[in-house]
């Protein structure tokens, strides 16, 4: 060994190939990755197939992951899903993003000025994800949890992302949603949606996800090539009069312009691509 050290033939700790890891941790992450890729609760057999391991081996990892809260098993269906500890880690990871923290400081003020619920969404591989939700003074016929994924084509938040993100990011999500729907939108219909959002700087939908809900959303841009974030105000449909929506839209556009400026963006509106 001493001869190897003198000749420089031995690998050092600075050599990535010489660094020792813990294989069991990496295999546990393979199980968690399979659960993420499954996009819904999964059976033991499904997880074994997706992770490339035997069911008995995957089961041992699931027992340990369940003990620490990274995985949870439904007592009624027997299916496995992400556990409470994993959800907390994901939310905390998103919360620590600087853009999210800065924008979040403005949301209570927007809620108080409009009296309506506000939310903040970021982009993920599966579409828009809610990372903050503040309820307003008006009751809504829906409970939205942080971490929820919104549809790209029918939600106001999704339509803003559809307009301002590169099509390379949005096309896979559009294809998935179109495959799940009764009639996929045509290229002309998508172009009409994005053109309107680009023209007005915001998206307004009513009943797009849940009947009785109206939503107004606008983008927040950061410096450089960072992906935009989206802020939305959510109203009960009976309160969404033209006067109210116009007032909410004005408040939202003013605030998102301020947010974009604070994040160092040189421009507060960008066209569809």
Protein backbone atom coordinates (compact mmCIF):
# COMPACT_ATOMS: atom_id res chain seq x y z
CA UNK A 1 0.00 0.00 0.00
CA UNK A 2 2.87 2.34 0.86
CA UNK A 3 4.43 1.70 -2.55
CA UNK A 4 1.14 2.58 -4.23
CA UNK A 5 0.90 5.82 -2.29
CA UNK A 6 4.44 6.76 -3.22
CA UNK A 7 3.91 6.03 -6.90
CA UNK A 8 0.55 7.84 -6.97
CA UNK A 9 -1.25 4.79 -8.31
CA UNK A 10 -3.64 4.55 -5.36
CA UNK A 11 -6.90 6.45 -5.50
CA UNK A 12 -7.44 9.26 -3.02
CA UNK A 13 -10.57 10.63 -1.38
CA UNK A 14 -10.59 13.37 -4.01
CA UNK A 15 -11.26 10.78 -6.71
CA UNK A 16 -15.05 10.39 -7.04
CA UNK A 17 -14.68 6.74 -8.05
CA UNK A 18 -12.90 6.02 -4.76
CA UNK A 19 -15.53 7.54 -2.50
CA UNK A 20 -17.48 5.02 -0.51
CA UNK A 21 -21.24 5.27 -0.25
CA UNK A 22 -23.96 3.23 1.39
CA UNK A 23 -25.54 0.96 -1.18
CA UNK A 24 -28.65 0.32 0.88
CA UNK A 25 -29.42 4.04 0.92
CA UNK A 26 -29.07 4.20 -2.85
CA UNK A 27 -31.36 1.19 -3.26
CA UNK A 28 -33.92 2.76 -0.93
CA UNK A 29 -33.86 5.84 -3.13
CA UNK A 30 -34.51 3.58 -6.13
CA UNK A 31 -37.74 2.46 -4.45
CA UNK A 32 -38.74 6.06 -3.70
CA UNK A 33 -37.95 7.06 -7.29
CA UNK A 34 -40.16 4.26 -8.56
CA UNK A 35 -42.95 5.50 -6.31
CA UNK A 36 -42.54 9.02 -7.67
CA UNK A 37 -42.50 7.87 -11.27
CA UNK A 38 -45.66 5.85 -10.67
CA UNK A 39 -47.63 9.09 -10.15
CA UNK A 40 -50.13 7.29 -7.86
CA UNK A 41 -50.24 4.73 -5.03
CA UNK A 42 -48.58 1.47 -6.04
CA UNK A 43 -48.67 -2.17 -5.04
CA UNK A 44 -45.64 -4.13 -3.88
CA UNK A 45 -45.53 -5.96 -7.21
CA UNK A 46 -45.63 -2.70 -9.17
CA UNK A 47 -42.83 -1.21 -7.07
CA UNK A 48 -40.70 -4.32 -7.47
CA UNK A 49 -41.10 -4.23 -11.25
CA UNK A 50 -40.41 -0.51 -11.47
CA UNK A 51 -37.33 -0.65 -9.24
CA UNK A 52 -35.87 -3.81 -10.78
CA UNK A 53 -35.79 -5.75 -7.50
CA UNK A 54 -37.58 -8.79 -6.15
CA UNK A 55 -40.78 -8.21 -4.17
CA UNK A 56 -39.21 -9.63 -1.00
CA UNK A 57 -36.27 -7.24 -1.24
CA UNK A 58 -38.49 -4.24 -1.97
CA UNK A 59 -40.71 -5.21 0.96
CA UNK A 60 -37.77 -5.01 3.37
CA UNK A 61 -36.99 -1.49 2.16
CA UNK A 62 -40.63 -0.49 2.40
CA UNK A 63 -40.74 -1.64 6.05
CA UNK A 64 -37.81 0.61 6.93
CA UNK A 65 -39.07 3.53 4.83
CA UNK A 66 -42.47 3.25 6.50
CA UNK A 67 -40.93 3.29 9.97
CA UNK A 68 -39.35 6.70 9.32
CA UNK A 69 -42.40 8.10 7.55
CA UNK A 70 -40.98 8.27 4.03
CA UNK A 71 -43.56 5.77 2.77
CA UNK A 72 -47.10 5.05 3.95
CA UNK A 73 -49.28 1.99 3.26
CA UNK A 74 -53.03 2.37 3.01
CA UNK A 75 -54.79 0.01 5.43
CA UNK A 76 -57.81 -0.19 3.12
CA UNK A 77 -56.13 -0.80 -0.25
CA UNK A 78 -52.70 -2.09 0.76
CA UNK A 79 -51.09 0.29 -1.72
CA UNK A 80 -47.96 2.29 -0.95
CA UNK A 81 -47.60 6.04 -1.36
CA UNK A 82 -45.36 8.87 -0.23
CA UNK A 83 -45.37 9.24 3.53
CA UNK A 84 -45.72 12.34 5.72
CA UNK A 85 -41.99 12.76 6.26
CA UNK A 86 -41.35 12.73 2.52
CA UNK A 87 -44.09 15.29 1.93
CA UNK A 88 -42.61 17.53 4.59
CA UNK A 89 -39.17 17.23 3.01
CA UNK A 90 -40.55 18.11 -0.41
CA UNK A 91 -42.46 21.11 0.88
CA UNK A 92 -39.47 22.30 2.88
CA UNK A 93 -37.21 21.93 -0.14
CA UNK A 94 -39.55 24.10 -2.19
CA UNK A 95 -39.96 26.58 0.66
CA UNK A 96 -36.20 27.15 0.86
CA UNK A 97 -36.04 28.39 -2.70
CA UNK A 98 -35.16 32.07 -2.51
CA UNK A 99 -37.74 33.14 -5.10
CA UNK A 100 -40.49 31.32 -3.28
CA UNK A 101 -39.57 32.84 0.07
CA UNK A 102 -39.44 36.36 -1.32
CA UNK A 103 -42.71 36.10 -3.19
CA UNK A 104 -44.43 34.43 -0.24
CA UNK A 105 -43.81 37.53 1.87
CA UNK A 106 -46.15 39.48 -0.43
CA UNK A 107 -49.02 36.99 -0.49
CA UNK A 108 -50.70 37.84 2.85
CA UNK A 109 -50.94 41.47 1.76
CA UNK A 110 -52.56 40.49 -1.53
CA UNK A 111 -55.01 38.27 0.34
CA UNK A 112 -55.88 41.08 2.75
CA UNK A 113 -56.35 43.66 -0.01
CA UNK A 114 -58.60 41.42 -2.11
CA UNK A 115 -60.19 39.39 0.73
CA UNK A 116 -59.79 36.30 -1.46
CA UNK A 117 -57.59 33.22 -1.31
CA UNK A 118 -54.18 33.46 -2.97
CA UNK A 119 -51.72 30.81 -4.00
CA UNK A 120 -48.23 30.46 -5.42
CA UNK A 121 -47.21 27.75 -7.92
CA UNK A 122 -43.89 26.56 -9.31
CA UNK A 123 -43.19 24.32 -12.28
CA UNK A 124 -42.39 20.62 -11.92
CA UNK A 125 -41.90 17.81 -14.42
CA UNK A 126 -45.56 16.92 -13.94
CA UNK A 127 -46.95 20.44 -14.26
CA UNK A 128 -47.75 23.35 -11.92
CA UNK A 129 -47.37 22.57 -8.21
CA UNK A 130 -48.89 24.64 -5.39
CA UNK A 131 -46.23 25.62 -2.84
CA UNK A 132 -48.30 28.10 -0.85
CA UNK A 133 -52.01 28.64 -0.28
CA UNK A 134 -53.55 31.35 1.92
CA UNK A 135 -57.31 31.25 2.43
CA UNK A 136 -59.28 34.48 2.22
CA UNK A 137 -62.49 35.71 3.80
CA UNK A 138 -64.78 33.81 1.41
CA UNK A 139 -65.53 30.11 1.79
CA UNK A 140 -64.54 27.96 -1.18
CA UNK A 141 -66.04 24.61 -2.22
CA UNK A 142 -62.56 23.09 -2.34
CA UNK A 143 -59.65 22.29 -0.05
CA UNK A 144 -56.29 22.74 -1.76
CA UNK A 145 -53.20 21.24 -0.19
CA UNK A 146 -49.65 22.43 -0.64
CA UNK A 147 -47.99 20.05 -3.09
CA UNK A 148 -51.10 19.63 -5.25
CA UNK A 149 -50.53 19.51 -9.02
CA UNK A 150 -52.84 21.66 -11.15
CA UNK A 151 -53.92 20.90 -14.73
CA UNK A 152 -52.04 22.79 -17.40
CA UNK A 153 -54.88 23.29 -19.86
CA UNK A 154 -57.88 24.13 -17.70
CA UNK A 155 -56.50 26.04 -14.69
CA UNK A 156 -55.57 29.72 -14.80
CA UNK A 157 -52.21 28.89 -13.22
CA UNK A 158 -51.56 26.18 -15.81
CA UNK A 159 -52.42 28.46 -18.71
CA UNK A 160 -49.90 31.04 -17.53
CA UNK A 161 -47.19 28.39 -17.45
CA UNK A 162 -48.36 27.14 -20.85
CA UNK A 163 -47.87 30.65 -22.23
CA UNK A 164 -44.53 31.61 -20.75
CA UNK A 165 -42.61 28.34 -20.54
CA UNK A 166 -40.71 26.80 -23.47
CA UNK A 167 -42.85 24.32 -25.35
CA UNK A 168 -40.21 21.64 -24.70
CA UNK A 169 -41.30 21.71 -21.06
CA UNK A 170 -45.03 21.96 -21.55
CA UNK A 171 -45.60 19.59 -24.48
CA UNK A 172 -45.14 16.35 -22.47
CA UNK A 173 -47.68 17.58 -19.90
CA UNK A 174 -50.11 18.65 -22.65
CA UNK A 175 -49.82 15.18 -24.21
CA UNK A 176 -50.53 13.46 -20.88
CA UNK A 177 -53.54 15.65 -20.15
CA UNK A 178 -54.84 15.27 -23.70
CA UNK A 179 -54.57 11.48 -23.49
CA UNK A 180 -56.58 11.49 -20.26
CA UNK A 181 -59.29 13.86 -21.57
CA UNK A 182 -62.32 13.18 -23.73
CA UNK A 183 -61.16 15.49 -26.53
CA UNK A 184 -57.64 16.89 -26.77
CA UNK A 185 -57.41 20.60 -27.61
CA UNK A 186 -56.36 21.51 -31.11
CA UNK A 187 -53.20 23.49 -31.85
CA UNK A 188 -55.38 26.47 -32.75
CA UNK A 189 -57.19 26.29 -29.40
CA UNK A 190 -53.91 26.20 -27.49
CA UNK A 191 -52.59 29.09 -29.57
CA UNK A 192 -55.72 31.09 -28.77
CA UNK A 193 -55.27 30.48 -25.04
CA UNK A 194 -51.62 31.52 -25.00
CA UNK A 195 -52.22 34.54 -27.22
CA UNK A 196 -54.86 35.89 -24.83
CA UNK A 197 -52.64 35.37 -21.79
CA UNK A 198 -49.69 37.02 -23.53
CA UNK A 199 -51.87 39.96 -24.54
CA UNK A 200 -53.38 40.63 -21.12
CA UNK A 201 -50.53 39.38 -18.94
CA UNK A 202 -52.87 37.14 -16.94
CA UNK A 203 -55.30 34.24 -17.19
CA UNK A 204 -58.89 34.16 -15.93
CA UNK A 205 -60.83 30.91 -15.66
CA UNK A 206 -64.17 29.99 -14.14
CA UNK A 207 -65.14 26.42 -13.35
CA UNK A 208 -62.02 25.12 -15.07
CA UNK A 209 -61.22 22.69 -12.26
CA UNK A 210 -64.07 22.86 -9.74
CA UNK A 211 -67.54 24.29 -10.48
CA UNK A 212 -68.19 27.44 -8.48
CA UNK A 213 -64.57 28.60 -8.53
CA UNK A 214 -63.04 31.46 -10.51
CA UNK A 215 -59.33 32.17 -10.63
CA UNK A 216 -57.07 34.96 -11.86
CA UNK A 217 -53.36 34.15 -12.33
CA UNK A 218 -50.28 36.08 -13.45
CA UNK A 219 -46.58 35.26 -13.85
CA UNK A 220 -43.63 36.41 -11.77
CA UNK A 221 -40.31 36.53 -13.59
CA UNK A 222 -36.85 36.23 -12.09
CA UNK A 223 -33.48 37.34 -13.40
CA UNK A 224 -31.71 35.41 -16.12
CA UNK A 225 -33.19 32.20 -17.47
CA UNK A 226 -35.03 31.14 -14.32
CA UNK A 227 -38.46 29.66 -14.84
CA UNK A 228 -41.35 31.96 -13.94
CA UNK A 229 -43.56 31.40 -10.93
CA UNK A 230 -47.30 32.04 -10.92
CA UNK A 231 -49.46 33.83 -8.36
CA UNK A 232 -53.24 33.38 -8.43
CA UNK A 233 -56.25 34.80 -6.63
CA UNK A 234 -59.15 32.35 -6.19
CA UNK A 235 -62.75 33.55 -5.80
CA UNK A 236 -66.11 31.85 -5.32
CA UNK A 237 -68.00 32.15 -8.59
CA UNK A 238 -70.81 34.21 -7.07
CA UNK A 239 -68.31 36.86 -6.00
CA UNK A 240 -66.55 36.95 -9.39
CA UNK A 241 -68.44 39.88 -10.88
CA UNK A 242 -66.83 41.84 -13.69
CA UNK A 243 -66.06 44.71 -11.32
CA UNK A 244 -64.50 42.40 -8.73
CA UNK A 245 -62.42 40.46 -11.28
CA UNK A 246 -61.17 43.73 -12.80
CA UNK A 247 -60.16 45.01 -9.36
CA UNK A 248 -58.45 41.74 -8.46
CA UNK A 249 -56.65 41.68 -11.82
CA UNK A 250 -55.33 45.20 -11.28
CA UNK A 251 -54.04 44.31 -7.82
CA UNK A 252 -52.47 41.09 -9.09
CA UNK A 253 -50.71 42.67 -12.08
CA UNK A 254 -49.35 45.47 -9.93
CA UNK A 255 -48.00 43.07 -7.33
CA UNK A 256 -46.49 40.57 -9.77
CA UNK A 257 -44.69 43.45 -11.50
CA UNK A 258 -43.28 44.49 -8.12
CA UNK A 259 -42.26 40.90 -7.38
CA UNK A 260 -40.56 40.52 -10.76
CA UNK A 261 -38.66 43.74 -10.15
CA UNK A 262 -37.49 42.52 -6.74
CA UNK A 263 -36.30 39.26 -8.29
CA UNK A 264 -34.19 41.22 -10.75
CA UNK A 265 -36.21 40.69 -13.90
CA UNK A 266 -35.61 43.25 -16.62
CA UNK A 267 -39.06 42.68 -18.11
CA UNK A 268 -42.36 41.89 -16.48
CA UNK A 269 -44.15 40.48 -19.49
CA UNK A 270 -43.05 37.99 -22.10
CA UNK A 271 -44.88 36.68 -25.10
CA UNK A 272 -45.95 33.17 -25.79
CA UNK A 273 -43.49 30.88 -27.48
